[in-house]
Amino acid sequence: MNASDLRNKTPDELRDQLKQLKKEAFNLRFQAATSQLENTARIRAVRRDVARVSTILNQKAAEAANTEA
């Protein structure tokens, strides 16, 4: 997932993607706890994707606040 691709999305699309990523992270943690997880690197990738989406959402919110003020 590229940050440039995320910047082209609307805030609603980003929120939906964030919700999906958090669900995936939960499922991966559950699989890891029950020793069913095969690809352990996926946990790290999802965690970073969550951070990336959150950062871009915050940047968009700051831009919107600056244009309104």
PDB file of N, CA and C in Angstrom:
ATOM      1  N   MET A   1       0.838  -1.168   0.000  1.00  0.00           N
ATOM      2  CA  MET A   1       0.000   0.000   0.000  1.00  0.00           C
ATOM      3  C   MET A   1       0.887   1.236   0.000  1.00  0.00           C
ATOM      4  N   ASN A   2       0.680   2.095  -0.980  1.00  0.00           N
ATOM      5  CA  ASN A   2       1.486   3.309  -1.110  1.00  0.00           C
ATOM      6  C   ASN A   2       0.748   4.500  -0.519  1.00  0.00           C
ATOM      7  N   ALA A   3       1.495   5.401   0.071  1.00  0.00           N
ATOM      8  CA  ALA A   3       0.901   6.603   0.633  1.00  0.00           C
ATOM      9  C   ALA A   3       0.301   7.472  -0.470  1.00  0.00           C
ATOM     10  N   SER A   4       0.916   7.468  -1.637  1.00  0.00           N
ATOM     11  CA  SER A   4       0.388   8.287  -2.731  1.00  0.00           C
ATOM     12  C   SER A   4      -0.978   7.774  -3.191  1.00  0.00           C
ATOM     13  N   ASP A   5      -1.174   6.457  -3.176  1.00  0.00           N
ATOM     14  CA  ASP A   5      -2.482   5.902  -3.510  1.00  0.00           C
ATOM     15  C   ASP A   5      -3.518   6.299  -2.475  1.00  0.00           C
ATOM     16  N   LEU A   6      -3.112   6.313  -1.220  1.00  0.00           N
ATOM     17  CA  LEU A   6      -4.037   6.654  -0.141  1.00  0.00           C
ATOM     18  C   LEU A   6      -4.425   8.125  -0.176  1.00  0.00           C
ATOM     19  N   ARG A   7      -3.503   8.980  -0.589  1.00  0.00           N
ATOM     20  CA  ARG A   7      -3.803  10.416  -0.625  1.00  0.00           C
ATOM     21  C   ARG A   7      -4.858  10.756  -1.672  1.00  0.00           C
ATOM     22  N   ASN A   8      -5.028   9.891  -2.672  1.00  0.00           N
ATOM     23  CA  ASN A   8      -6.029  10.126  -3.704  1.00  0.00           C
ATOM     24  C   ASN A   8      -7.426   9.699  -3.273  1.00  0.00           C
ATOM     25  N   LYS A   9      -7.541   9.023  -2.132  1.00  0.00           N
ATOM     26  CA  LYS A   9      -8.845   8.546  -1.663  1.00  0.00           C
ATOM     27  C   LYS A   9      -9.523   9.604  -0.803  1.00  0.00           C
ATOM     28  N   THR A  10     -10.838   9.483  -0.721  1.00  0.00           N
ATOM     29  CA  THR A  10     -11.603  10.402   0.123  1.00  0.00           C
ATOM     30  C   THR A  10     -11.491   9.959   1.578  1.00  0.00           C
ATOM     31  N   PRO A  11     -11.784  10.857   2.515  1.00  0.00           N
ATOM     32  CA  PRO A  11     -11.739  10.474   3.932  1.00  0.00           C
ATOM     33  C   PRO A  11     -12.672   9.308   4.272  1.00  0.00           C
ATOM     34  N   ASP A  12     -13.824   9.235   3.622  1.00  0.00           N
ATOM     35  CA  ASP A  12     -14.741   8.120   3.882  1.00  0.00           C
ATOM     36  C   ASP A  12     -14.133   6.791   3.441  1.00  0.00           C
ATOM     37  N   GLU A  13     -13.480   6.800   2.283  1.00  0.00           N
ATOM     38  CA  GLU A  13     -12.827   5.585   1.809  1.00  0.00           C
ATOM     39  C   GLU A  13     -11.685   5.190   2.745  1.00  0.00           C
ATOM     40  N   LEU A  14     -10.967   6.177   3.249  1.00  0.00           N
ATOM     41  CA  LEU A  14      -9.874   5.891   4.173  1.00  0.00           C
ATOM     42  C   LEU A  14     -10.395   5.314   5.484  1.00  0.00           C
ATOM     43  N   ARG A  15     -11.511   5.842   5.974  1.00  0.00           N
ATOM     44  CA  ARG A  15     -12.090   5.304   7.210  1.00  0.00           C
ATOM     45  C   ARG A  15     -12.537   3.859   7.016  1.00  0.00           C
ATOM     46  N   ASP A  16     -13.129   3.570   5.858  1.00  0.00           N
ATOM     47  CA  ASP A  16     -13.531   2.190   5.568  1.00  0.00           C
ATOM     48  C   ASP A  16     -12.322   1.268   5.513  1.00  0.00           C
ATOM     49  N   GLN A  17     -11.263   1.728   4.879  1.00  0.00           N
ATOM     50  CA  GLN A  17     -10.060   0.916   4.780  1.00  0.00           C
ATOM     51  C   GLN A  17      -9.427   0.714   6.157  1.00  0.00           C
ATOM     52  N   LEU A  18      -9.461   1.755   6.988  1.00  0.00           N
ATOM     53  CA  LEU A  18      -8.922   1.651   8.334  1.00  0.00           C
ATOM     54  C   LEU A  18      -9.695   0.610   9.141  1.00  0.00           C
ATOM     55  N   LYS A  19     -11.009   0.622   8.975  1.00  0.00           N
ATOM     56  CA  LYS A  19     -11.840  -0.357   9.689  1.00  0.00           C
ATOM     57  C   LYS A  19     -11.510  -1.779   9.235  1.00  0.00           C
ATOM     58  N   GLN A  20     -11.324  -1.975   7.943  1.00  0.00           N
ATOM     59  CA  GLN A  20     -10.971  -3.297   7.423  1.00  0.00           C
ATOM     60  C   GLN A  20      -9.605  -3.746   7.925  1.00  0.00           C
ATOM     61  N   LEU A  21      -8.656  -2.831   7.957  1.00  0.00           N
ATOM     62  CA  LEU A  21      -7.316  -3.177   8.429  1.00  0.00           C
ATOM     63  C   LEU A  21      -7.327  -3.544   9.910  1.00  0.00           C
ATOM     64  N   LYS A  22      -8.115  -2.824  10.698  1.00  0.00           N
ATOM     65  CA  LYS A  22      -8.185  -3.143  12.122  1.00  0.00           C
ATOM     66  C   LYS A  22      -8.835  -4.501  12.353  1.00  0.00           C
ATOM     67  N   LYS A  23      -9.833  -4.843  11.535  1.00  0.00           N
ATOM     68  CA  LYS A  23     -10.429  -6.175  11.632  1.00  0.00           C
ATOM     69  C   LYS A  23      -9.407  -7.248  11.285  1.00  0.00           C
ATOM     70  N   GLU A  24      -8.631  -6.978  10.227  1.00  0.00           N
ATOM     71  CA  GLU A  24      -7.607  -7.943   9.824  1.00  0.00           C
ATOM     72  C   GLU A  24      -6.554  -8.098  10.913  1.00  0.00           C
ATOM     73  N   ALA A  25      -6.169  -6.991  11.535  1.00  0.00           N
ATOM     74  CA  ALA A  25      -5.175  -7.049  12.607  1.00  0.00           C
ATOM     75  C   ALA A  25      -5.707  -7.874  13.778  1.00  0.00           C
ATOM     76  N   PHE A  26      -6.971  -7.689  14.105  1.00  0.00           N
ATOM     77  CA  PHE A  26      -7.582  -8.470  15.182  1.00  0.00           C
ATOM     78  C   PHE A  26      -7.552  -9.956  14.842  1.00  0.00           C
ATOM     79  N   ASN A  27      -7.947 -10.289  13.625  1.00  0.00           N
ATOM     80  CA  ASN A  27      -7.952 -11.694  13.216  1.00  0.00           C
ATOM     81  C   ASN A  27      -6.550 -12.289  13.226  1.00  0.00           C
ATOM     82  N   LEU A  28      -5.572 -11.514  12.802  1.00  0.00           N
ATOM     83  CA  LEU A  28      -4.201 -12.005  12.810  1.00  0.00           C
ATOM     84  C   LEU A  28      -3.694 -12.233  14.240  1.00  0.00           C
ATOM     85  N   ARG A  29      -4.037 -11.318  15.141  1.00  0.00           N
ATOM     86  CA  ARG A  29      -3.639 -11.503  16.539  1.00  0.00           C
ATOM     87  C   ARG A  29      -4.293 -12.751  17.126  1.00  0.00           C
ATOM     88  N   PHE A  30      -5.541 -12.970  16.766  1.00  0.00           N
ATOM     89  CA  PHE A  30      -6.260 -14.144  17.252  1.00  0.00           C
ATOM     90  C   PHE A  30      -5.613 -15.413  16.723  1.00  0.00           C
ATOM     91  N   GLN A  31      -5.240 -15.423  15.442  1.00  0.00           N
ATOM     92  CA  GLN A  31      -4.578 -16.586  14.855  1.00  0.00           C
ATOM     93  C   GLN A  31      -3.210 -16.818  15.504  1.00  0.00           C
ATOM     94  N   ALA A  32      -2.498 -15.744  15.808  1.00  0.00           N
ATOM     95  CA  ALA A  32      -1.182 -15.883  16.437  1.00  0.00           C
ATOM     96  C   ALA A  32      -1.320 -16.474  17.837  1.00  0.00           C
ATOM     97  N   ALA A  33      -2.359 -16.058  18.556  1.00  0.00           N
ATOM     98  CA  ALA A  33      -2.560 -16.555  19.915  1.00  0.00           C
ATOM     99  C   ALA A  33      -2.923 -18.035  19.928  1.00  0.00           C
ATOM    100  N   THR A  34      -3.584 -18.496  18.874  1.00  0.00           N
ATOM    101  CA  THR A  34      -3.984 -19.906  18.815  1.00  0.00           C
ATOM    102  C   THR A  34      -3.028 -20.737  17.967  1.00  0.00           C
ATOM    103  N   SER A  35      -1.879 -20.177  17.643  1.00  0.00           N
ATOM    104  CA  SER A  35      -0.831 -20.858  16.861  1.00  0.00           C
ATOM    105  C   SER A  35      -1.318 -21.328  15.496  1.00  0.00           C
ATOM    106  N   GLN A  36      -2.181 -20.561  14.866  1.00  0.00           N
ATOM    107  CA  GLN A  36      -2.670 -20.892  13.533  1.00  0.00           C
ATOM    108  C   GLN A  36      -2.114 -19.958  12.465  1.00  0.00           C
ATOM    109  N   LEU A  37      -1.334 -18.985  12.875  1.00  0.00           N
ATOM    110  CA  LEU A  37      -0.819 -17.981  11.938  1.00  0.00           C
ATOM    111  C   LEU A  37       0.373 -18.537  11.172  1.00  0.00           C
ATOM    112  N   GLU A  38       0.292 -18.465   9.846  1.00  0.00           N
ATOM    113  CA  GLU A  38       1.381 -18.962   9.002  1.00  0.00           C
ATOM    114  C   GLU A  38       2.360 -17.857   8.631  1.00  0.00           C
ATOM    115  N   ASN A  39       1.834 -16.699   8.249  1.00  0.00           N
ATOM    116  CA  ASN A  39       2.684 -15.596   7.797  1.00  0.00           C
ATOM    117  C   ASN A  39       2.764 -14.547   8.907  1.00  0.00           C
ATOM    118  N   THR A  40       3.763 -14.661   9.760  1.00  0.00           N
ATOM    119  CA  THR A  40       3.869 -13.742  10.890  1.00  0.00           C
ATOM    120  C   THR A  40       4.238 -12.322  10.463  1.00  0.00           C
ATOM    121  N   ALA A  41       4.847 -12.174   9.315  1.00  0.00           N
ATOM    122  CA  ALA A  41       5.221 -10.841   8.830  1.00  0.00           C
ATOM    123  C   ALA A  41       3.996 -10.006   8.477  1.00  0.00           C
ATOM    124  N   ARG A  42       2.875 -10.655   8.243  1.00  0.00           N
ATOM    125  CA  ARG A  42       1.653  -9.932   7.877  1.00  0.00           C
ATOM    126  C   ARG A  42       1.173  -9.034   9.018  1.00  0.00           C
ATOM    127  N   ILE A  43       1.414  -9.444  10.266  1.00  0.00           N
ATOM    128  CA  ILE A  43       1.013  -8.629  11.418  1.00  0.00           C
ATOM    129  C   ILE A  43       1.711  -7.276  11.354  1.00  0.00           C
ATOM    130  N   ARG A  44       3.011  -7.292  11.093  1.00  0.00           N
ATOM    131  CA  ARG A  44       3.770  -6.050  11.011  1.00  0.00           C
ATOM    132  C   ARG A  44       3.299  -5.182   9.857  1.00  0.00           C
ATOM    133  N   ALA A  45       3.036  -5.805   8.713  1.00  0.00           N
ATOM    134  CA  ALA A  45       2.597  -5.049   7.540  1.00  0.00           C
ATOM    135  C   ALA A  45       1.240  -4.387   7.787  1.00  0.00           C
ATOM    136  N   VAL A  46       0.339  -5.109   8.405  1.00  0.00           N
ATOM    137  CA  VAL A  46      -0.993  -4.551   8.680  1.00  0.00           C
ATOM    138  C   VAL A  46      -0.896  -3.423   9.696  1.00  0.00           C
ATOM    139  N   ARG A  47      -0.063  -3.615  10.711  1.00  0.00           N
ATOM    140  CA  ARG A  47       0.099  -2.571  11.730  1.00  0.00           C
ATOM    141  C   ARG A  47       0.638  -1.289  11.107  1.00  0.00           C
ATOM    142  N   ARG A  48       1.577  -1.430  10.189  1.00  0.00           N
ATOM    143  CA  ARG A  48       2.133  -0.247   9.513  1.00  0.00           C
ATOM    144  C   ARG A  48       1.122   0.375   8.555  1.00  0.00           C
ATOM    145  N   ASP A  49       0.307  -0.450   7.914  1.00  0.00           N
ATOM    146  CA  ASP A  49      -0.735   0.086   7.036  1.00  0.00           C
ATOM    147  C   ASP A  49      -1.763   0.879   7.838  1.00  0.00           C
ATOM    148  N   VAL A  50      -2.103   0.384   9.032  1.00  0.00           N
ATOM    149  CA  VAL A  50      -3.027   1.113   9.903  1.00  0.00           C
ATOM    150  C   VAL A  50      -2.435   2.478  10.248  1.00  0.00           C
ATOM    151  N   ALA A  51      -1.170   2.500  10.594  1.00  0.00           N
ATOM    152  CA  ALA A  51      -0.514   3.764  10.933  1.00  0.00           C
ATOM    153  C   ALA A  51      -0.477   4.708   9.732  1.00  0.00           C
ATOM    154  N   ARG A  52      -0.216   4.151   8.554  1.00  0.00           N
ATOM    155  CA  ARG A  52      -0.148   4.962   7.333  1.00  0.00           C
ATOM    156  C   ARG A  52      -1.501   5.602   7.031  1.00  0.00           C
ATOM    157  N   VAL A  53      -2.567   4.815   7.118  1.00  0.00           N
ATOM    158  CA  VAL A  53      -3.905   5.340   6.843  1.00  0.00           C
ATOM    159  C   VAL A  53      -4.292   6.383   7.893  1.00  0.00           C
ATOM    160  N   SER A  54      -3.980   6.116   9.149  1.00  0.00           N
ATOM    161  CA  SER A  54      -4.301   7.068  10.213  1.00  0.00           C
ATOM    162  C   SER A  54      -3.572   8.385  10.009  1.00  0.00           C
ATOM    163  N   THR A  55      -2.322   8.321   9.618  1.00  0.00           N
ATOM    164  CA  THR A  55      -1.533   9.526   9.387  1.00  0.00           C
ATOM    165  C   THR A  55      -2.137  10.360   8.260  1.00  0.00           C
ATOM    166  N   ILE A  56      -2.511   9.716   7.188  1.00  0.00           N
ATOM    167  CA  ILE A  56      -3.065  10.455   6.053  1.00  0.00           C
ATOM    168  C   ILE A  56      -4.433  11.044   6.408  1.00  0.00           C
ATOM    169  N   LEU A  57      -5.226  10.312   7.190  1.00  0.00           N
ATOM    170  CA  LEU A  57      -6.504  10.867   7.647  1.00  0.00           C
ATOM    171  C   LEU A  57      -6.274  12.118   8.491  1.00  0.00           C
ATOM    172  N   ASN A  58      -5.289  12.074   9.377  1.00  0.00           N
ATOM    173  CA  ASN A  58      -4.981  13.244  10.204  1.00  0.00           C
ATOM    174  C   ASN A  58      -4.472  14.405   9.357  1.00  0.00           C
ATOM    175  N   GLN A  59      -3.687  14.113   8.341  1.00  0.00           N
ATOM    176  CA  GLN A  59      -3.202  15.170   7.458  1.00  0.00           C
ATOM    177  C   GLN A  59      -4.355  15.821   6.708  1.00  0.00           C
ATOM    178  N   LYS A  60      -5.287  15.008   6.235  1.00  0.00           N
ATOM    179  CA  LYS A  60      -6.444  15.561   5.524  1.00  0.00           C
ATOM    180  C   LYS A  60      -7.306  16.402   6.442  1.00  0.00           C
ATOM    181  N   ALA A  61      -7.456  15.967   7.704  1.00  0.00           N
ATOM    182  CA  ALA A  61      -8.230  16.730   8.665  1.00  0.00           C
ATOM    183  C   ALA A  61      -7.557  18.068   8.957  1.00  0.00           C
ATOM    184  N   ALA A  62      -6.229  18.058   9.064  1.00  0.00           N
ATOM    185  CA  ALA A  62      -5.498  19.306   9.319  1.00  0.00           C
ATOM    186  C   ALA A  62      -5.614  20.254   8.130  1.00  0.00           C
ATOM    187  N   GLU A  63      -5.546  19.716   6.921  1.00  0.00           N
ATOM    188  CA  GLU A  63      -5.706  20.547   5.734  1.00  0.00           C
ATOM    189  C   GLU A  63      -7.087  21.189   5.698  1.00  0.00           C
ATOM    190  N   ALA A  64      -8.099  20.397   6.029  1.00  0.00           N
ATOM    191  CA  ALA A  64      -9.465  20.913   6.023  1.00  0.00           C
ATOM    192  C   ALA A  64      -9.633  21.997   7.086  1.00  0.00           C
ATOM    193  N   ALA A  65      -9.018  21.821   8.228  1.00  0.00           N
ATOM    194  CA  ALA A  65      -9.109  22.821   9.295  1.00  0.00           C
ATOM    195  C   ALA A  65      -8.397  24.105   8.893  1.00  0.00           C
ATOM    196  N   ASN A  66      -7.291  23.976   8.199  1.00  0.00           N
ATOM    197  CA  ASN A  66      -6.538  25.170   7.777  1.00  0.00           C
ATOM    198  C   ASN A  66      -7.273  25.938   6.695  1.00  0.00           C
ATOM    199  N   THR A  67      -7.974  25.245   5.810  1.00  0.00           N
ATOM    200  CA  THR A  67      -8.686  25.951   4.749  1.00  0.00           C
ATOM    201  C   THR A  67      -9.949  26.634   5.282  1.00  0.00           C
ATOM    202  N   GLU A  68     -10.527  26.080   6.354  1.00  0.00           N
ATOM    203  CA  GLU A  68     -11.719  26.684   6.934  1.00  0.00           C
ATOM    204  C   GLU A  68     -11.394  27.914   7.762  1.00  0.00           C
ATOM    205  N   ALA A  69     -10.235  27.935   8.378  1.00  0.00           N
ATOM    206  CA  ALA A  69      -9.871  29.031   9.293  1.00  0.00           C
ATOM    207  C   ALA A  69      -9.414  30.260   8.581  1.00  0.00           C
TER     208      ALA A  69
END
